[in-house]
Amino acid sequence: MVFPVVGGDGKPTGYEIENSLRFNDGDSPKVSRSISSSGSARNATLSVWVKRGILGTRQQIYSNKTADSAFDGMNMYFNASNDRLYIDNHDGSNYKSLYTTRVFRDPSAWYHIVYAIDTTTGTATNRLRLYINGVEETDFATDQEPSQNADLAITNSTGDQSIGDDPRDNNDLFDGYMAEYNFVDGTTLDPTYFGE
């Protein structure tokens, strides 16, 4: 696949990533792994290229949820009712969430999503940061920042880390393509670290 990039002269160029994963929701696709110990609770970065196959359904990109309620975990998905990107960090009783106002309704487009977590920073709006195609999102329908040095269940040894489905019930299946999936535990990075 070729990802469009604007070169220094303003003309579109491109670079190729050799492979992507095709998720067909009718085949119950997912990639998951069990982890033996939880990682950092304060710093992490998730970076992934996604191309949606269908719209209007809840589609998980990442989840380590273990229950419907009172769980500790993180959840990133496209919402069924409005095709917005939702990210929930849950500590058992409270959500620390980012819900975009922007919608993602172009099934021909590749979106590069970077979600950077750093609860140690003193600036509240810098603790949960979201970048789409290299540009930071700043307009959210919901923006619930964690307190400084809050411990989030970014990785969770009590549940699987899952790409493309909800591990609680193997539901909310992703349909489309994902490529260059990176989950960096313990380090907060921006989009310049990924890609070309």
N, C-alpha and C. Protein backbone atom coordinates (compact mmCIF):
# COMPACT_ATOMS: atom_id res chain seq x y z
N MET A 1 0.84 -1.17 0.00
CA MET A 1 0.00 0.00 0.00
C MET A 1 0.89 1.23 0.00
N VAL A 2 0.41 2.30 -0.59
CA VAL A 2 1.17 3.54 -0.66
C VAL A 2 0.46 4.57 0.19
N PHE A 3 1.20 5.21 1.08
CA PHE A 3 0.65 6.26 1.92
C PHE A 3 1.07 7.60 1.34
N PRO A 4 0.13 8.52 1.08
CA PRO A 4 0.51 9.81 0.52
C PRO A 4 1.24 10.66 1.54
N VAL A 5 2.29 11.29 1.11
CA VAL A 5 3.07 12.19 1.94
C VAL A 5 3.36 13.43 1.11
N VAL A 6 3.26 14.60 1.70
CA VAL A 6 3.59 15.83 0.99
C VAL A 6 5.07 16.10 1.19
N GLY A 7 5.79 16.21 0.10
CA GLY A 7 7.22 16.46 0.16
C GLY A 7 7.53 17.92 0.45
N GLY A 8 8.82 18.24 0.55
CA GLY A 8 9.25 19.59 0.87
C GLY A 8 8.84 20.61 -0.17
N ASP A 9 8.66 20.16 -1.42
CA ASP A 9 8.26 21.09 -2.48
C ASP A 9 6.75 21.21 -2.60
N GLY A 10 6.01 20.57 -1.68
CA GLY A 10 4.56 20.67 -1.69
C GLY A 10 3.89 19.66 -2.60
N LYS A 11 4.65 18.88 -3.35
CA LYS A 11 4.07 17.88 -4.24
C LYS A 11 3.90 16.57 -3.50
N PRO A 12 2.78 15.87 -3.76
CA PRO A 12 2.58 14.59 -3.09
C PRO A 12 3.64 13.58 -3.53
N THR A 13 4.19 12.90 -2.57
CA THR A 13 5.06 11.76 -2.83
C THR A 13 4.43 10.58 -2.11
N GLY A 14 5.14 9.54 -1.91
CA GLY A 14 4.56 8.42 -1.20
C GLY A 14 5.63 7.48 -0.71
N TYR A 15 5.26 6.64 0.22
CA TYR A 15 6.14 5.57 0.64
C TYR A 15 5.28 4.34 0.85
N GLU A 16 5.90 3.21 0.78
CA GLU A 16 5.15 1.97 0.84
C GLU A 16 5.46 1.21 2.12
N ILE A 17 4.40 0.62 2.65
CA ILE A 17 4.54 -0.36 3.71
C ILE A 17 4.13 -1.67 3.09
N GLU A 18 4.99 -2.65 3.21
CA GLU A 18 4.84 -3.89 2.46
C GLU A 18 3.55 -4.65 2.74
N ASN A 19 3.13 -4.71 3.99
CA ASN A 19 2.00 -5.57 4.35
C ASN A 19 1.03 -4.88 5.27
N SER A 20 -0.22 -5.33 5.20
CA SER A 20 -1.22 -4.91 6.16
C SER A 20 -2.04 -6.14 6.53
N LEU A 21 -2.82 -6.02 7.58
CA LEU A 21 -3.74 -7.08 7.97
C LEU A 21 -5.13 -6.73 7.50
N ARG A 22 -5.82 -7.67 6.88
CA ARG A 22 -7.20 -7.47 6.45
C ARG A 22 -8.11 -8.11 7.50
N PHE A 23 -8.96 -7.29 8.11
CA PHE A 23 -9.92 -7.77 9.08
C PHE A 23 -11.30 -7.81 8.42
N ASN A 24 -11.86 -8.99 8.28
CA ASN A 24 -13.21 -9.15 7.75
C ASN A 24 -14.10 -9.56 8.92
N ASP A 25 -15.00 -8.67 9.34
CA ASP A 25 -15.75 -8.92 10.56
C ASP A 25 -16.57 -10.20 10.50
N GLY A 26 -16.93 -10.66 9.30
CA GLY A 26 -17.67 -11.91 9.17
C GLY A 26 -16.85 -13.14 9.52
N ASP A 27 -15.53 -12.99 9.57
CA ASP A 27 -14.63 -14.10 9.91
C ASP A 27 -14.18 -14.07 11.37
N SER A 28 -14.74 -13.17 12.17
CA SER A 28 -14.35 -13.00 13.58
C SER A 28 -12.85 -12.83 13.75
N PRO A 29 -12.26 -11.84 13.07
CA PRO A 29 -10.80 -11.69 13.12
C PRO A 29 -10.34 -10.98 14.38
N LYS A 30 -9.14 -11.33 14.82
CA LYS A 30 -8.51 -10.61 15.92
C LYS A 30 -7.07 -11.07 16.02
N VAL A 31 -6.29 -10.24 16.68
CA VAL A 31 -4.94 -10.58 17.06
C VAL A 31 -4.87 -10.30 18.56
N SER A 32 -4.42 -11.27 19.34
CA SER A 32 -4.39 -11.03 20.78
C SER A 32 -3.20 -11.75 21.41
N ARG A 33 -2.88 -11.29 22.60
CA ARG A 33 -1.83 -11.95 23.37
C ARG A 33 -2.13 -11.76 24.85
N SER A 34 -1.75 -12.76 25.60
CA SER A 34 -1.82 -12.67 27.06
C SER A 34 -0.49 -12.11 27.55
N ILE A 35 -0.55 -11.30 28.59
CA ILE A 35 0.68 -10.77 29.15
C ILE A 35 0.79 -11.21 30.60
N SER A 36 2.01 -11.45 31.03
CA SER A 36 2.21 -12.01 32.37
C SER A 36 2.25 -10.93 33.46
N SER A 37 2.60 -9.70 33.07
CA SER A 37 2.61 -8.62 34.06
C SER A 37 2.21 -7.32 33.40
N SER A 38 1.56 -6.47 34.16
CA SER A 38 1.14 -5.17 33.63
C SER A 38 2.36 -4.30 33.39
N GLY A 39 2.29 -3.48 32.36
CA GLY A 39 3.39 -2.58 32.05
C GLY A 39 3.24 -1.25 32.76
N SER A 40 3.76 -0.21 32.16
CA SER A 40 3.67 1.12 32.74
C SER A 40 2.22 1.55 32.88
N ALA A 41 1.92 2.18 33.96
CA ALA A 41 0.57 2.70 34.18
C ALA A 41 0.48 4.19 33.89
N ARG A 42 1.62 4.80 33.48
CA ARG A 42 1.64 6.26 33.29
C ARG A 42 2.14 6.72 31.93
N ASN A 43 2.83 5.88 31.20
CA ASN A 43 3.39 6.28 29.91
C ASN A 43 3.23 5.16 28.88
N ALA A 44 2.71 5.51 27.72
CA ALA A 44 2.61 4.54 26.62
C ALA A 44 2.25 5.30 25.35
N THR A 45 2.47 4.65 24.21
CA THR A 45 2.08 5.20 22.92
C THR A 45 1.53 4.08 22.05
N LEU A 46 0.41 4.33 21.42
CA LEU A 46 -0.15 3.40 20.44
C LEU A 46 -0.17 4.12 19.10
N SER A 47 0.39 3.48 18.08
CA SER A 47 0.41 4.03 16.73
C SER A 47 -0.07 2.97 15.76
N VAL A 48 -0.99 3.33 14.87
CA VAL A 48 -1.51 2.37 13.90
C VAL A 48 -2.09 3.12 12.69
N TRP A 49 -1.93 2.51 11.52
CA TRP A 49 -2.63 2.96 10.32
C TRP A 49 -3.89 2.12 10.18
N VAL A 50 -5.05 2.75 9.96
CA VAL A 50 -6.30 2.01 9.77
C VAL A 50 -7.02 2.52 8.53
N LYS A 51 -7.70 1.59 7.89
CA LYS A 51 -8.59 1.91 6.76
C LYS A 51 -9.88 1.14 7.02
N ARG A 52 -10.96 1.86 7.19
CA ARG A 52 -12.23 1.24 7.55
C ARG A 52 -12.86 0.52 6.36
N GLY A 53 -13.49 -0.62 6.63
CA GLY A 53 -14.18 -1.37 5.58
C GLY A 53 -15.67 -1.08 5.54
N ILE A 54 -16.27 -0.89 6.71
CA ILE A 54 -17.69 -0.56 6.80
C ILE A 54 -17.87 0.53 7.84
N LEU A 55 -18.99 1.21 7.77
CA LEU A 55 -19.30 2.30 8.70
C LEU A 55 -20.53 1.93 9.52
N GLY A 56 -20.77 2.70 10.57
CA GLY A 56 -22.00 2.55 11.34
C GLY A 56 -22.04 1.35 12.28
N THR A 57 -20.90 0.76 12.56
CA THR A 57 -20.84 -0.32 13.55
C THR A 57 -19.70 -0.02 14.51
N ARG A 58 -19.83 -0.49 15.74
CA ARG A 58 -18.75 -0.32 16.71
C ARG A 58 -17.61 -1.25 16.33
N GLN A 59 -16.42 -0.67 16.17
CA GLN A 59 -15.28 -1.45 15.70
C GLN A 59 -14.07 -1.19 16.57
N GLN A 60 -13.62 -2.24 17.26
CA GLN A 60 -12.48 -2.14 18.16
C GLN A 60 -11.17 -2.05 17.38
N ILE A 61 -10.32 -1.14 17.80
CA ILE A 61 -8.95 -1.09 17.31
C ILE A 61 -8.05 -1.75 18.35
N TYR A 62 -8.23 -1.40 19.61
CA TYR A 62 -7.46 -1.99 20.72
C TYR A 62 -8.36 -2.11 21.94
N SER A 63 -8.17 -3.19 22.69
CA SER A 63 -8.90 -3.32 23.94
C SER A 63 -8.18 -4.32 24.85
N ASN A 64 -8.23 -4.04 26.13
CA ASN A 64 -7.82 -5.01 27.14
C ASN A 64 -8.86 -5.07 28.25
N LYS A 65 -10.11 -4.81 27.87
CA LYS A 65 -11.20 -4.85 28.84
C LYS A 65 -11.42 -6.26 29.35
N THR A 66 -11.87 -6.36 30.58
CA THR A 66 -12.14 -7.67 31.18
C THR A 66 -13.60 -7.84 31.60
N ALA A 67 -14.40 -6.77 31.51
CA ALA A 67 -15.80 -6.85 31.93
C ALA A 67 -16.57 -5.70 31.30
N ASP A 68 -17.90 -5.72 31.42
CA ASP A 68 -18.73 -4.64 30.91
C ASP A 68 -18.67 -3.41 31.78
N SER A 69 -18.52 -3.59 33.07
CA SER A 69 -18.45 -2.47 34.00
C SER A 69 -17.46 -2.82 35.11
N ALA A 70 -17.04 -1.81 35.85
CA ALA A 70 -16.10 -1.98 36.96
C ALA A 70 -14.83 -2.72 36.52
N PHE A 71 -14.35 -2.38 35.33
CA PHE A 71 -13.13 -3.03 34.84
C PHE A 71 -11.97 -2.03 34.87
N ASP A 72 -10.78 -2.56 34.83
CA ASP A 72 -9.59 -1.75 34.64
C ASP A 72 -9.07 -2.07 33.24
N GLY A 73 -9.00 -1.07 32.40
CA GLY A 73 -8.54 -1.34 31.05
C GLY A 73 -8.59 -0.13 30.15
N MET A 74 -8.17 -0.36 28.92
CA MET A 74 -8.17 0.68 27.89
C MET A 74 -8.89 0.15 26.67
N ASN A 75 -9.55 1.04 25.96
CA ASN A 75 -10.42 0.66 24.88
C ASN A 75 -10.35 1.74 23.79
N MET A 76 -10.03 1.40 22.54
CA MET A 76 -10.04 2.36 21.43
C MET A 76 -10.92 1.77 20.32
N TYR A 77 -11.91 2.55 19.89
CA TYR A 77 -12.86 2.02 18.90
C TYR A 77 -13.54 3.15 18.14
N PHE A 78 -14.10 2.78 16.97
CA PHE A 78 -15.00 3.67 16.24
C PHE A 78 -16.40 3.40 16.76
N ASN A 79 -17.11 4.47 17.15
CA ASN A 79 -18.44 4.35 17.73
C ASN A 79 -19.47 4.07 16.63
N ALA A 80 -20.44 3.22 16.93
CA ALA A 80 -21.45 2.82 15.95
C ALA A 80 -22.38 3.95 15.57
N SER A 81 -22.79 4.77 16.52
CA SER A 81 -23.85 5.75 16.25
C SER A 81 -23.37 6.99 15.50
N ASN A 82 -22.05 7.29 15.56
CA ASN A 82 -21.60 8.54 14.94
C ASN A 82 -20.26 8.43 14.21
N ASP A 83 -19.66 7.25 14.16
CA ASP A 83 -18.38 7.04 13.45
C ASP A 83 -17.26 7.93 13.97
N ARG A 84 -17.34 8.31 15.24
CA ARG A 84 -16.25 9.05 15.87
C ARG A 84 -15.29 8.05 16.52
N LEU A 85 -14.07 8.52 16.78
CA LEU A 85 -13.08 7.69 17.47
C LEU A 85 -13.22 7.91 18.97
N TYR A 86 -13.41 6.83 19.71
CA TYR A 86 -13.55 6.86 21.16
C TYR A 86 -12.37 6.14 21.79
N ILE A 87 -11.82 6.73 22.83
CA ILE A 87 -10.77 6.10 23.61
C ILE A 87 -11.16 6.20 25.08
N ASP A 88 -11.29 5.07 25.73
CA ASP A 88 -11.64 5.02 27.15
C ASP A 88 -10.49 4.40 27.94
N ASN A 89 -10.10 5.06 29.00
CA ASN A 89 -9.24 4.48 30.03
C ASN A 89 -10.13 4.37 31.26
N HIS A 90 -10.24 3.18 31.81
CA HIS A 90 -11.16 2.95 32.92
C HIS A 90 -10.40 2.38 34.10
N ASP A 91 -10.68 2.91 35.29
CA ASP A 91 -9.95 2.46 36.48
C ASP A 91 -10.83 1.69 37.45
N GLY A 92 -11.91 1.13 36.95
CA GLY A 92 -12.81 0.36 37.80
C GLY A 92 -14.06 1.12 38.17
N SER A 93 -13.94 2.45 38.27
CA SER A 93 -15.13 3.25 38.62
C SER A 93 -15.24 4.52 37.80
N ASN A 94 -14.15 4.97 37.18
CA ASN A 94 -14.18 6.24 36.44
C ASN A 94 -13.57 6.08 35.05
N TYR A 95 -14.14 6.80 34.11
CA TYR A 95 -13.58 6.87 32.77
C TYR A 95 -12.66 8.08 32.67
N LYS A 96 -11.57 7.94 31.97
CA LYS A 96 -10.71 9.04 31.53
C LYS A 96 -10.67 8.90 30.02
N SER A 97 -11.49 9.69 29.34
CA SER A 97 -11.79 9.41 27.93
C SER A 97 -11.53 10.59 27.01
N LEU A 98 -11.26 10.26 25.76
CA LEU A 98 -11.23 11.21 24.66
C LEU A 98 -12.20 10.71 23.59
N TYR A 99 -13.20 11.52 23.24
CA TYR A 99 -14.12 11.20 22.16
C TYR A 99 -14.02 12.34 21.16
N THR A 100 -13.65 12.03 19.94
CA THR A 100 -13.48 13.09 18.95
C THR A 100 -14.82 13.69 18.53
N THR A 101 -14.77 14.93 18.09
CA THR A 101 -15.92 15.51 17.40
C THR A 101 -15.83 15.17 15.92
N ARG A 102 -14.63 14.95 15.46
CA ARG A 102 -14.37 14.57 14.07
C ARG A 102 -14.94 13.17 13.80
N VAL A 103 -15.50 12.99 12.61
CA VAL A 103 -16.00 11.68 12.21
C VAL A 103 -15.03 11.05 11.21
N PHE A 104 -15.08 9.72 11.11
CA PHE A 104 -14.19 8.95 10.24
C PHE A 104 -15.07 8.12 9.32
N ARG A 105 -15.48 8.73 8.21
CA ARG A 105 -16.47 8.11 7.33
C ARG A 105 -15.98 7.90 5.90
N ASP A 106 -14.69 7.92 5.71
CA ASP A 106 -14.16 7.72 4.36
C ASP A 106 -13.52 6.34 4.28
N PRO A 107 -14.22 5.34 3.71
CA PRO A 107 -13.66 4.00 3.66
C PRO A 107 -12.52 3.85 2.64
N SER A 108 -12.24 4.90 1.89
CA SER A 108 -11.10 4.84 0.96
C SER A 108 -9.84 5.45 1.56
N ALA A 109 -9.96 6.05 2.75
CA ALA A 109 -8.84 6.78 3.36
C ALA A 109 -8.11 5.92 4.38
N TRP A 110 -6.80 6.09 4.41
CA TRP A 110 -5.98 5.56 5.49
C TRP A 110 -5.84 6.65 6.54
N TYR A 111 -6.03 6.29 7.81
CA TYR A 111 -5.86 7.21 8.92
C TYR A 111 -4.69 6.72 9.78
N HIS A 112 -3.75 7.62 10.07
CA HIS A 112 -2.68 7.27 11.00
C HIS A 112 -3.07 7.81 12.36
N ILE A 113 -3.28 6.91 13.32
CA ILE A 113 -3.70 7.26 14.67
C ILE A 113 -2.53 7.07 15.62
N VAL A 114 -2.20 8.13 16.37
CA VAL A 114 -1.20 8.04 17.42
C VAL A 114 -1.86 8.52 18.71
N TYR A 115 -1.86 7.65 19.71
CA TYR A 115 -2.42 7.98 21.02
C TYR A 115 -1.28 7.94 22.02
N ALA A 116 -0.95 9.10 22.59
CA ALA A 116 0.20 9.24 23.48
C ALA A 116 -0.28 9.54 24.90
N ILE A 117 0.18 8.76 25.85
CA ILE A 117 -0.23 8.87 27.25
C ILE A 117 0.97 9.24 28.10
N ASP A 118 0.81 10.29 28.90
CA ASP A 118 1.85 10.67 29.87
C ASP A 118 1.16 11.35 31.04
N THR A 119 0.81 10.58 32.06
CA THR A 119 0.11 11.19 33.20
C THR A 119 1.06 11.91 34.14
N THR A 120 2.37 11.85 33.88
CA THR A 120 3.33 12.51 34.78
C THR A 120 3.46 14.00 34.50
N THR A 121 3.00 14.44 33.33
CA THR A 121 3.18 15.85 32.97
C THR A 121 2.26 16.76 33.81
N GLY A 122 2.74 17.96 34.07
CA GLY A 122 1.98 18.91 34.87
C GLY A 122 0.84 19.58 34.12
N THR A 123 0.88 19.55 32.79
CA THR A 123 -0.17 20.18 31.98
C THR A 123 -1.25 19.16 31.68
N ALA A 124 -2.44 19.40 32.21
CA ALA A 124 -3.53 18.41 32.12
C ALA A 124 -3.84 18.01 30.68
N THR A 125 -3.88 18.98 29.77
CA THR A 125 -4.26 18.67 28.39
C THR A 125 -3.18 17.92 27.62
N ASN A 126 -2.01 17.73 28.23
CA ASN A 126 -0.94 16.96 27.59
C ASN A 126 -0.84 15.53 28.11
N ARG A 127 -1.75 15.13 28.98
CA ARG A 127 -1.66 13.78 29.56
C ARG A 127 -2.22 12.71 28.63
N LEU A 128 -3.25 13.04 27.88
CA LEU A 128 -3.81 12.16 26.86
C LEU A 128 -3.81 12.95 25.56
N ARG A 129 -3.00 12.53 24.60
CA ARG A 129 -2.91 13.28 23.34
C ARG A 129 -3.21 12.35 22.17
N LEU A 130 -3.93 12.89 21.20
CA LEU A 130 -4.34 12.12 20.04
C LEU A 130 -3.94 12.86 18.78
N TYR A 131 -3.29 12.14 17.87
CA TYR A 131 -2.88 12.70 16.59
C TYR A 131 -3.50 11.87 15.47
N ILE A 132 -4.04 12.56 14.47
CA ILE A 132 -4.58 11.89 13.29
C ILE A 132 -3.81 12.43 12.08
N ASN A 133 -3.18 11.53 11.36
CA ASN A 133 -2.37 11.90 10.18
C ASN A 133 -1.36 12.99 10.51
N GLY A 134 -0.75 12.88 11.69
CA GLY A 134 0.32 13.78 12.09
C GLY A 134 -0.12 15.09 12.71
N VAL A 135 -1.42 15.33 12.78
CA VAL A 135 -1.95 16.58 13.33
C VAL A 135 -2.66 16.28 14.65
N GLU A 136 -2.32 17.05 15.69
CA GLU A 136 -2.93 16.81 16.99
C GLU A 136 -4.39 17.23 16.99
N GLU A 137 -5.25 16.35 17.49
CA GLU A 137 -6.66 16.67 17.68
C GLU A 137 -6.80 17.48 18.97
N THR A 138 -7.52 18.58 18.91
CA THR A 138 -7.72 19.42 20.09
C THR A 138 -9.19 19.69 20.37
N ASP A 139 -10.07 19.27 19.47
CA ASP A 139 -11.51 19.49 19.64
C ASP A 139 -12.18 18.16 19.93
N PHE A 140 -12.66 18.00 21.16
CA PHE A 140 -13.23 16.74 21.59
C PHE A 140 -14.66 16.93 22.08
N ALA A 141 -15.51 15.95 21.80
CA ALA A 141 -16.85 15.94 22.37
C ALA A 141 -16.78 15.59 23.85
N THR A 142 -15.81 14.74 24.21
CA THR A 142 -15.54 14.38 25.60
C THR A 142 -14.04 14.42 25.81
N ASP A 143 -13.60 15.11 26.84
CA ASP A 143 -12.18 15.20 27.16
C ASP A 143 -12.05 15.12 28.68
N GLN A 144 -11.78 13.91 29.18
CA GLN A 144 -11.67 13.68 30.62
C GLN A 144 -10.22 13.32 30.92
N GLU A 145 -9.45 14.30 31.30
CA GLU A 145 -8.03 14.09 31.56
C GLU A 145 -7.81 13.48 32.94
N PRO A 146 -6.87 12.55 33.05
CA PRO A 146 -6.55 12.00 34.37
C PRO A 146 -5.79 13.01 35.21
N SER A 147 -5.77 12.80 36.49
CA SER A 147 -4.98 13.65 37.37
C SER A 147 -3.50 13.35 37.17
N GLN A 148 -2.65 14.27 37.62
CA GLN A 148 -1.21 14.07 37.45
C GLN A 148 -0.76 12.82 38.22
N ASN A 149 0.07 12.02 37.55
CA ASN A 149 0.62 10.77 38.07
C ASN A 149 -0.43 9.69 38.32
N ALA A 150 -1.59 9.84 37.68
CA ALA A 150 -2.61 8.79 37.80
C ALA A 150 -2.10 7.51 37.15
N ASP A 151 -2.47 6.39 37.74
CA ASP A 151 -2.15 5.08 37.17
C ASP A 151 -3.33 4.60 36.35
N LEU A 152 -3.09 4.37 35.07
CA LEU A 152 -4.12 3.89 34.16
C LEU A 152 -3.82 2.43 33.80
N ALA A 153 -4.85 1.67 33.52
CA ALA A 153 -4.67 0.26 33.14
C ALA A 153 -4.41 0.18 31.63
N ILE A 154 -3.29 0.72 31.22
CA ILE A 154 -2.94 0.77 29.80
C ILE A 154 -2.71 -0.64 29.28
N THR A 155 -1.92 -1.39 30.00
CA THR A 155 -1.80 -2.83 29.78
C THR A 155 -2.27 -3.48 31.05
N ASN A 156 -2.79 -4.67 30.94
CA ASN A 156 -3.48 -5.26 32.08
C ASN A 156 -3.23 -6.76 32.09
N SER A 157 -2.54 -7.25 33.09
CA SER A 157 -2.20 -8.67 33.12
C SER A 157 -3.39 -9.57 33.39
N THR A 158 -4.52 -9.00 33.78
CA THR A 158 -5.69 -9.84 34.03
C THR A 158 -6.51 -10.07 32.76
N GLY A 159 -6.19 -9.39 31.67
CA GLY A 159 -6.92 -9.59 30.43
C GLY A 159 -5.98 -9.54 29.23
N ASP A 160 -6.42 -10.14 28.14
CA ASP A 160 -5.61 -10.15 26.92
C ASP A 160 -5.55 -8.77 26.30
N GLN A 161 -4.43 -8.46 25.67
CA GLN A 161 -4.34 -7.31 24.78
C GLN A 161 -4.88 -7.78 23.44
N SER A 162 -5.86 -7.07 22.92
CA SER A 162 -6.54 -7.54 21.72
C SER A 162 -6.61 -6.44 20.66
N ILE A 163 -6.32 -6.80 19.44
CA ILE A 163 -6.42 -5.91 18.29
C ILE A 163 -7.55 -6.43 17.42
N GLY A 164 -8.56 -5.60 17.19
CA GLY A 164 -9.63 -5.95 16.26
C GLY A 164 -10.88 -6.53 16.87
N ASP A 165 -10.92 -6.69 18.19
CA ASP A 165 -12.16 -7.15 18.82
C ASP A 165 -12.17 -6.74 20.29
N ASP A 166 -13.30 -7.01 20.93
CA ASP A 166 -13.46 -6.76 22.36
C ASP A 166 -13.23 -8.09 23.08
N PRO A 167 -12.15 -8.22 23.85
CA PRO A 167 -11.82 -9.53 24.43
C PRO A 167 -12.81 -10.05 25.48
N ARG A 168 -13.70 -9.19 25.96
CA ARG A 168 -14.70 -9.65 26.93
C ARG A 168 -15.61 -10.69 26.30
N ASP A 169 -15.99 -10.43 25.05
CA ASP A 169 -17.03 -11.27 24.43
C ASP A 169 -16.78 -11.54 22.95
N ASN A 170 -15.55 -11.25 22.47
CA ASN A 170 -15.23 -11.43 21.05
C ASN A 170 -16.27 -10.75 20.15
N ASN A 171 -16.58 -9.51 20.49
CA ASN A 171 -17.59 -8.76 19.77
C ASN A 171 -17.00 -7.44 19.30
N ASP A 172 -17.80 -6.60 18.66
CA ASP A 172 -17.37 -5.29 18.16
C ASP A 172 -16.15 -5.43 17.25
N LEU A 173 -16.25 -6.32 16.29
CA LEU A 173 -15.13 -6.69 15.44
C LEU A 173 -14.78 -5.59 14.45
N PHE A 174 -13.50 -5.37 14.26
CA PHE A 174 -13.03 -4.40 13.29
C PHE A 174 -13.20 -4.97 11.89
N ASP A 175 -13.57 -4.11 10.95
CA ASP A 175 -13.64 -4.50 9.54
C ASP A 175 -12.85 -3.47 8.74
N GLY A 176 -11.82 -3.93 8.07
CA GLY A 176 -10.98 -3.04 7.27
C GLY A 176 -9.54 -3.51 7.32
N TYR A 177 -8.63 -2.57 7.22
CA TYR A 177 -7.21 -2.87 7.20
C TYR A 177 -6.50 -2.16 8.35
N MET A 178 -5.46 -2.80 8.88
CA MET A 178 -4.55 -2.17 9.82
C MET A 178 -3.12 -2.47 9.38
N ALA A 179 -2.25 -1.50 9.59
CA ALA A 179 -0.84 -1.68 9.23
C ALA A 179 0.04 -0.92 10.22
N GLU A 180 1.28 -1.36 10.33
CA GLU A 180 2.28 -0.69 11.17
C GLU A 180 1.75 -0.43 12.57
N TYR A 181 1.24 -1.48 13.20
CA TYR A 181 0.70 -1.38 14.55
C TYR A 181 1.84 -1.40 15.55
N ASN A 182 1.95 -0.37 16.37
CA ASN A 182 3.00 -0.29 17.37
C ASN A 182 2.39 0.10 18.71
N PHE A 183 2.69 -0.68 19.74
CA PHE A 183 2.31 -0.33 21.10
C PHE A 183 3.60 -0.24 21.89
N VAL A 184 3.95 0.96 22.33
CA VAL A 184 5.21 1.20 23.03
C VAL A 184 4.90 1.43 24.50
N ASP A 185 5.29 0.48 25.32
CA ASP A 185 5.02 0.54 26.75
C ASP A 185 6.11 1.35 27.45
N GLY A 186 5.71 2.30 28.30
CA GLY A 186 6.65 3.03 29.13
C GLY A 186 7.28 4.24 28.49
N THR A 187 6.90 4.56 27.25
CA THR A 187 7.48 5.71 26.55
C THR A 187 6.38 6.48 25.84
N THR A 188 6.42 7.81 25.94
CA THR A 188 5.46 8.67 25.27
C THR A 188 6.13 9.28 24.05
N LEU A 189 5.55 9.03 22.87
CA LEU A 189 6.13 9.47 21.61
C LEU A 189 5.11 10.28 20.82
N ASP A 190 5.61 11.09 19.86
CA ASP A 190 4.71 11.82 18.98
C ASP A 190 4.78 11.21 17.58
N PRO A 191 3.95 11.67 16.64
CA PRO A 191 3.89 11.02 15.32
C PRO A 191 5.20 11.05 14.54
N THR A 192 6.12 11.99 14.85
CA THR A 192 7.36 12.05 14.09
C THR A 192 8.22 10.81 14.32
N TYR A 193 7.95 10.07 15.38
CA TYR A 193 8.72 8.87 15.66
C TYR A 193 8.35 7.72 14.70
N PHE A 194 7.13 7.79 14.15
CA PHE A 194 6.60 6.70 13.33
C PHE A 194 6.56 7.13 11.86
N GLY A 195 6.77 6.19 10.98
CA GLY A 195 6.64 6.47 9.56
C GLY A 195 7.84 7.15 8.98
N GLU A 196 7.63 7.80 7.86
CA GLU A 196 8.73 8.38 7.08
C GLU A 196 8.66 9.88 7.07
